Amino acid sequence: MLRGGMPVLAKYGILLVLVLRSRVRIMKSLKQIIDGKQKGEKNKYVTREYQDFGYRLAMELGDPGHKSLYIKLAKEEDRAVLEACRRFVMDSNADNKGALFMWKLKEMKKRIVT
């Protein structure tokens, strides 16, 4: 007997053929999904906006080792202050942009308090 273009060998043979056919389809769609994911460099563990901002800030400052610090700052500090510090650092030609960012953040916090 033929079923779906494939000979039926046994009761379980049908299941095997159907499963194999569905896996081929799944693998094809997985390939498409993976290709789509590679185009957009998106971190799958980022679920909140402040995490994305902190991650991007760490990458812009060239300090990926301290990305958790920048995520924490993005969560707890005023965004306008962080943006001002980021602009200050990006306009400079400092070797250690992470240290300059932290210094500027400390200076701006002093100004806000006094």
Foldseek 3Di string as FASTA:
>chain_A
DDDPNDDDDDPCSVVVVVVVVVVVVVVVVVVVVVVVCVVDVDDPVDDDPLLVVLCVLCVLQVHNVCSVVSSVCSVPPDPVLLVVLSVVLVVDPDPRSVVSSVVSSVVVVVVVVD
